[in-house]
Amino acid sequence: MARYAYHFVGETLRDGRPIPADGEWLEHIGEVVICESGLHASWHPFDALQYAPGKTLCLVEVEDVISEQDDKLVCRRRRIVKRIDSEVLTREFARWCALQVIELWDAPDVVRQYLTTGDKTIRDAAWDAAWAAARAAARDAARDAARAAARDAARAAQRDRFKKMVDAAFENVGGGA
């Protein structure tokens, strides 16, 4: 029974060999060790995405699976069943992910517009606006942290000063506690 997984490729395979034609079996000769040697893939395309060296996503048939981890497998034989240029798909997915958390920040209108429409003509402007907002947020966070540190230092000095004043006042009062 055929077993299918997902594998991203760039211009070549990671070892420098050319990407094989669809239907052509690759076979690894030698020791197969996950993360070290062999032919890798993932059962789920989301898991394969984190290892993507390029934008071509392949549906692959795998044979002689030697080892598996939560997000990948290594096998001795793998062949591309079909492939897609995933750039449009992964950009759409990234925009969807960003929209899931957009309410957590004050996103500029152009960023919100790009994320909802995917309009390529405003992508660069949205990128620039998002980076500017991120830099401003980082500056604000640093300024807020500095203010908090100054406030804490002032509070500590006030606390110490008040304690000394109270101690002095009690020294001048007779009787015991």
C-alpha atoms as a PDB file:
ATOM      1  CA  MET A   1       0.000   0.000   0.000  1.00  0.00           C
ATOM      2  CA  ALA A   2       1.414   3.385  -1.000  1.00  0.00           C
ATOM      3  CA  ARG A   3       2.290   5.874   1.761  1.00  0.00           C
ATOM      4  CA  TYR A   4       2.322   9.579   0.957  1.00  0.00           C
ATOM      5  CA  ALA A   5       4.106  12.456   2.624  1.00  0.00           C
ATOM      6  CA  TYR A   6       5.232  16.019   1.811  1.00  0.00           C
ATOM      7  CA  HIS A   7       8.629  17.457   0.977  1.00  0.00           C
ATOM      8  CA  PHE A   8       9.735  20.955  -0.068  1.00  0.00           C
ATOM      9  CA  VAL A   9      12.612  21.475  -2.485  1.00  0.00           C
ATOM     10  CA  GLY A  10      14.655  24.436  -3.658  1.00  0.00           C
ATOM     11  CA  GLU A  11      16.690  24.571  -6.862  1.00  0.00           C
ATOM     12  CA  THR A  12      18.417  21.280  -6.034  1.00  0.00           C
ATOM     13  CA  LEU A  13      18.191  18.584  -3.396  1.00  0.00           C
ATOM     14  CA  ARG A  14      19.993  19.424  -0.156  1.00  0.00           C
ATOM     15  CA  ASP A  15      22.945  17.282  -1.197  1.00  0.00           C
ATOM     16  CA  GLY A  16      23.272  19.252  -4.443  1.00  0.00           C
ATOM     17  CA  ARG A  17      21.753  16.661  -6.771  1.00  0.00           C
ATOM     18  CA  PRO A  18      19.156  17.843  -9.278  1.00  0.00           C
ATOM     19  CA  ILE A  19      15.478  17.500  -8.422  1.00  0.00           C
ATOM     20  CA  PRO A  20      14.271  14.260 -10.031  1.00  0.00           C
ATOM     21  CA  ALA A  21      11.375  14.146 -12.468  1.00  0.00           C
ATOM     22  CA  ASP A  22       7.939  13.237 -11.162  1.00  0.00           C
ATOM     23  CA  GLY A  23       7.631   9.463 -10.847  1.00  0.00           C
ATOM     24  CA  GLU A  24      11.394   8.859 -10.644  1.00  0.00           C
ATOM     25  CA  TRP A  25      12.421   6.967  -7.515  1.00  0.00           C
ATOM     26  CA  LEU A  26      15.325   8.258  -5.457  1.00  0.00           C
ATOM     27  CA  GLU A  27      17.091   5.669  -3.367  1.00  0.00           C
ATOM     28  CA  HIS A  28      19.501   6.352  -0.555  1.00  0.00           C
ATOM     29  CA  ILE A  29      22.422   3.957  -0.442  1.00  0.00           C
ATOM     30  CA  GLY A  30      24.135   3.666   2.908  1.00  0.00           C
ATOM     31  CA  GLU A  31      23.149   4.334   6.470  1.00  0.00           C
ATOM     32  CA  VAL A  32      19.810   6.078   7.037  1.00  0.00           C
ATOM     33  CA  VAL A  33      19.729   8.306  10.119  1.00  0.00           C
ATOM     34  CA  ILE A  34      17.048  10.894  10.747  1.00  0.00           C
ATOM     35  CA  CYS A  35      18.388  14.475  10.513  1.00  0.00           C
ATOM     36  CA  GLU A  36      21.680  13.147   9.125  1.00  0.00           C
ATOM     37  CA  SER A  37      21.304  10.908   6.100  1.00  0.00           C
ATOM     38  CA  GLY A  38      18.546   9.414   3.999  1.00  0.00           C
ATOM     39  CA  LEU A  39      15.518  10.853   2.264  1.00  0.00           C
ATOM     40  CA  HIS A  40      13.373  13.028   4.507  1.00  0.00           C
ATOM     41  CA  ALA A  41       9.723  14.071   4.344  1.00  0.00           C
ATOM     42  CA  SER A  42       6.806  14.885   6.652  1.00  0.00           C
ATOM     43  CA  TRP A  43       3.414  13.233   6.953  1.00  0.00           C
ATOM     44  CA  HIS A  44       1.768  16.653   7.251  1.00  0.00           C
ATOM     45  CA  PRO A  45       2.490  19.622   4.943  1.00  0.00           C
ATOM     46  CA  PHE A  46       2.575  22.043   7.902  1.00  0.00           C
ATOM     47  CA  ASP A  47       5.449  20.051   9.391  1.00  0.00           C
ATOM     48  CA  ALA A  48       7.283  20.021   6.051  1.00  0.00           C
ATOM     49  CA  LEU A  49       6.939  23.814   5.832  1.00  0.00           C
ATOM     50  CA  GLN A  50       9.402  24.400   8.665  1.00  0.00           C
ATOM     51  CA  TYR A  51      12.116  22.568   6.710  1.00  0.00           C
ATOM     52  CA  ALA A  52      11.387  24.224   3.350  1.00  0.00           C
ATOM     53  CA  PRO A  53      14.561  25.241   1.467  1.00  0.00           C
ATOM     54  CA  GLY A  54      12.436  26.542  -1.405  1.00  0.00           C
ATOM     55  CA  LYS A  55       8.895  27.135  -2.554  1.00  0.00           C
ATOM     56  CA  THR A  56       8.208  23.899  -4.431  1.00  0.00           C
ATOM     57  CA  LEU A  57       6.025  21.549  -2.391  1.00  0.00           C
ATOM     58  CA  CYS A  58       6.041  17.922  -3.470  1.00  0.00           C
ATOM     59  CA  LEU A  59       3.590  15.186  -2.656  1.00  0.00           C
ATOM     60  CA  VAL A  60       5.907  12.209  -2.354  1.00  0.00           C
ATOM     61  CA  GLU A  61       5.470   8.489  -2.054  1.00  0.00           C
ATOM     62  CA  VAL A  62       7.803   6.990   0.530  1.00  0.00           C
ATOM     63  CA  GLU A  63       9.028   3.444   1.019  1.00  0.00           C
ATOM     64  CA  ASP A  64      11.191   1.776   3.613  1.00  0.00           C
ATOM     65  CA  VAL A  65      10.581   4.364   6.330  1.00  0.00           C
ATOM     66  CA  ILE A  66      13.407   3.847   8.808  1.00  0.00           C
ATOM     67  CA  SER A  67      12.607   6.355  11.523  1.00  0.00           C
ATOM     68  CA  GLU A  68      10.019   8.975  12.465  1.00  0.00           C
ATOM     69  CA  GLN A  69       9.797  11.962  14.758  1.00  0.00           C
ATOM     70  CA  ASP A  70       6.756  14.105  15.485  1.00  0.00           C
ATOM     71  CA  ASP A  71       7.334  16.310  12.447  1.00  0.00           C
ATOM     72  CA  LYS A  72       9.435  14.280  10.013  1.00  0.00           C
ATOM     73  CA  LEU A  73      10.433  10.886   8.754  1.00  0.00           C
ATOM     74  CA  VAL A  74      13.447   9.448   6.995  1.00  0.00           C
ATOM     75  CA  CYS A  75      13.208   6.727   4.405  1.00  0.00           C
ATOM     76  CA  ARG A  76      15.354   4.831   1.941  1.00  0.00           C
ATOM     77  CA  ARG A  77      13.122   5.470  -1.126  1.00  0.00           C
ATOM     78  CA  ARG A  78      11.106   8.513  -2.161  1.00  0.00           C
ATOM     79  CA  ARG A  79       9.509   9.652  -5.400  1.00  0.00           C
ATOM     80  CA  ILE A  80       7.686  12.822  -6.338  1.00  0.00           C
ATOM     81  CA  VAL A  81       4.090  12.082  -7.277  1.00  0.00           C
ATOM     82  CA  LYS A  82       3.270  15.705  -8.069  1.00  0.00           C
ATOM     83  CA  ARG A  83       4.504  19.173  -7.175  1.00  0.00           C
ATOM     84  CA  ILE A  84       3.236  22.720  -6.846  1.00  0.00           C
ATOM     85  CA  ASP A  85       4.787  26.151  -6.635  1.00  0.00           C
ATOM     86  CA  SER A  86       3.589  26.979  -3.131  1.00  0.00           C
ATOM     87  CA  GLU A  87       4.445  30.700  -3.103  1.00  0.00           C
ATOM     88  CA  VAL A  88       0.846  31.918  -3.497  1.00  0.00           C
ATOM     89  CA  LEU A  89      -0.420  29.311  -1.042  1.00  0.00           C
ATOM     90  CA  THR A  90       2.215  30.028   1.624  1.00  0.00           C
ATOM     91  CA  ARG A  91       1.723  33.799   1.306  1.00  0.00           C
ATOM     92  CA  GLU A  92      -2.021  33.305   1.748  1.00  0.00           C
ATOM     93  CA  PHE A  93      -1.365  31.087   4.759  1.00  0.00           C
ATOM     94  CA  ALA A  94       1.019  33.641   6.281  1.00  0.00           C
ATOM     95  CA  ARG A  95      -1.581  36.399   5.820  1.00  0.00           C
ATOM     96  CA  TRP A  96      -4.212  34.191   7.461  1.00  0.00           C
ATOM     97  CA  CYS A  97      -1.879  33.512  10.411  1.00  0.00           C
ATOM     98  CA  ALA A  98      -1.208  37.237  10.832  1.00  0.00           C
ATOM     99  CA  LEU A  99      -4.932  37.991  10.736  1.00  0.00           C
ATOM    100  CA  GLN A 100      -5.488  35.546  13.611  1.00  0.00           C
ATOM    101  CA  VAL A 101      -3.508  37.891  15.901  1.00  0.00           C
ATOM    102  CA  ILE A 102      -4.021  41.276  14.250  1.00  0.00           C
ATOM    103  CA  GLU A 103      -6.158  42.515  17.143  1.00  0.00           C
ATOM    104  CA  LEU A 104      -3.147  42.225  19.443  1.00  0.00           C
ATOM    105  CA  TRP A 105      -1.563  45.349  17.938  1.00  0.00           C
ATOM    106  CA  ASP A 106      -2.561  48.591  16.330  1.00  0.00           C
ATOM    107  CA  ALA A 107      -1.945  47.519  12.741  1.00  0.00           C
ATOM    108  CA  PRO A 108      -1.642  50.319  10.173  1.00  0.00           C
ATOM    109  CA  ASP A 109      -4.509  50.375   7.666  1.00  0.00           C
ATOM    110  CA  VAL A 110      -2.261  49.358   4.766  1.00  0.00           C
ATOM    111  CA  VAL A 111      -1.122  46.285   6.693  1.00  0.00           C
ATOM    112  CA  ARG A 112      -4.699  45.267   7.482  1.00  0.00           C
ATOM    113  CA  GLN A 113      -5.674  45.876   3.842  1.00  0.00           C
ATOM    114  CA  TYR A 114      -2.819  43.761   2.497  1.00  0.00           C
ATOM    115  CA  LEU A 115      -3.501  40.933   4.933  1.00  0.00           C
ATOM    116  CA  THR A 116      -7.169  40.777   3.981  1.00  0.00           C
ATOM    117  CA  THR A 117      -6.774  41.216   0.213  1.00  0.00           C
ATOM    118  CA  GLY A 118      -3.301  39.965  -0.666  1.00  0.00           C
ATOM    119  CA  ASP A 119      -3.010  42.913  -3.079  1.00  0.00           C
ATOM    120  CA  LYS A 120       0.574  42.687  -4.400  1.00  0.00           C
ATOM    121  CA  THR A 121       0.614  46.392  -5.276  1.00  0.00           C
ATOM    122  CA  ILE A 122       0.549  47.336  -1.578  1.00  0.00           C
ATOM    123  CA  ARG A 123       2.710  44.491  -0.231  1.00  0.00           C
ATOM    124  CA  ASP A 124       5.883  46.607   0.001  1.00  0.00           C
ATOM    125  CA  ALA A 125       4.015  49.496   1.654  1.00  0.00           C
ATOM    126  CA  ALA A 126       2.427  47.074   4.122  1.00  0.00           C
ATOM    127  CA  TRP A 127       5.837  45.560   4.885  1.00  0.00           C
ATOM    128  CA  ASP A 128       7.373  49.001   5.451  1.00  0.00           C
ATOM    129  CA  ALA A 129       4.446  50.080   7.650  1.00  0.00           C
ATOM    130  CA  ALA A 130       4.604  46.874   9.694  1.00  0.00           C
ATOM    131  CA  TRP A 131       8.358  47.287  10.249  1.00  0.00           C
ATOM    132  CA  ALA A 132       7.922  50.936  11.189  1.00  0.00           C
ATOM    133  CA  ALA A 133       5.199  49.958  13.653  1.00  0.00           C
ATOM    134  CA  ALA A 134       7.383  47.180  15.072  1.00  0.00           C
ATOM    135  CA  ARG A 135      10.322  49.563  15.506  1.00  0.00           C
ATOM    136  CA  ALA A 136       8.045  52.138  17.158  1.00  0.00           C
ATOM    137  CA  ALA A 137       6.629  49.449  19.443  1.00  0.00           C
ATOM    138  CA  ALA A 138      10.152  48.368  20.382  1.00  0.00           C
ATOM    139  CA  ARG A 139      11.117  51.987  21.091  1.00  0.00           C
ATOM    140  CA  ASP A 140       7.940  52.445  23.132  1.00  0.00           C
ATOM    141  CA  ALA A 141       8.626  49.227  25.036  1.00  0.00           C
ATOM    142  CA  ALA A 142      12.213  50.327  25.753  1.00  0.00           C
ATOM    143  CA  ARG A 143      11.018  53.782  26.827  1.00  0.00           C
ATOM    144  CA  ASP A 144       8.303  52.220  28.997  1.00  0.00           C
ATOM    145  CA  ALA A 145      10.846  49.856  30.538  1.00  0.00           C
ATOM    146  CA  ALA A 146      13.173  52.794  31.266  1.00  0.00           C
ATOM    147  CA  ARG A 147      10.301  54.734  32.827  1.00  0.00           C
ATOM    148  CA  ALA A 148       9.318  51.716  34.907  1.00  0.00           C
ATOM    149  CA  ALA A 149      12.915  51.257  36.056  1.00  0.00           C
ATOM    150  CA  ALA A 150      13.157  54.964  36.964  1.00  0.00           C
ATOM    151  CA  ARG A 151       9.811  54.784  38.772  1.00  0.00           C
ATOM    152  CA  ASP A 152      10.950  51.679  40.657  1.00  0.00           C
ATOM    153  CA  ALA A 153      14.250  53.338  41.588  1.00  0.00           C
ATOM    154  CA  ALA A 154      12.411  56.474  42.759  1.00  0.00           C
ATOM    155  CA  ARG A 155       9.960  54.339  44.718  1.00  0.00           C
ATOM    156  CA  ALA A 156      12.853  52.461  46.360  1.00  0.00           C
ATOM    157  CA  ALA A 157      14.568  55.753  47.272  1.00  0.00           C
ATOM    158  CA  GLN A 158      11.290  57.140  48.618  1.00  0.00           C
ATOM    159  CA  ARG A 159      10.707  53.964  50.607  1.00  0.00           C
ATOM    160  CA  ASP A 160      14.219  54.094  52.105  1.00  0.00           C
ATOM    161  CA  ARG A 161      13.956  57.829  52.875  1.00  0.00           C
ATOM    162  CA  PHE A 162      10.557  57.469  54.535  1.00  0.00           C
ATOM    163  CA  LYS A 163      11.805  54.541  56.641  1.00  0.00           C
ATOM    164  CA  LYS A 164      14.807  56.614  57.826  1.00  0.00           C
ATOM    165  CA  MET A 165      12.511  59.532  58.687  1.00  0.00           C
ATOM    166  CA  VAL A 166      10.151  57.230  60.610  1.00  0.00           C
ATOM    167  CA  ASP A 167      13.060  55.544  62.418  1.00  0.00           C
ATOM    168  CA  ALA A 168      14.432  58.961  63.392  1.00  0.00           C
ATOM    169  CA  ALA A 169      11.026  60.074  64.603  1.00  0.00           C
ATOM    170  CA  PHE A 170      10.666  56.973  66.734  1.00  0.00           C
ATOM    171  CA  GLU A 171      14.133  57.455  68.181  1.00  0.00           C
ATOM    172  CA  ASN A 172      12.937  60.767  69.555  1.00  0.00           C
ATOM    173  CA  VAL A 173       9.929  59.198  71.212  1.00  0.00           C
ATOM    174  CA  GLY A 174      10.345  57.630  74.578  1.00  0.00           C
ATOM    175  CA  GLY A 175       8.949  54.290  75.621  1.00  0.00           C
ATOM    176  CA  GLY A 176       9.266  50.815  74.208  1.00  0.00           C
ATOM    177  CA  ALA A 177       7.491  48.932  71.618  1.00  0.00           C
END
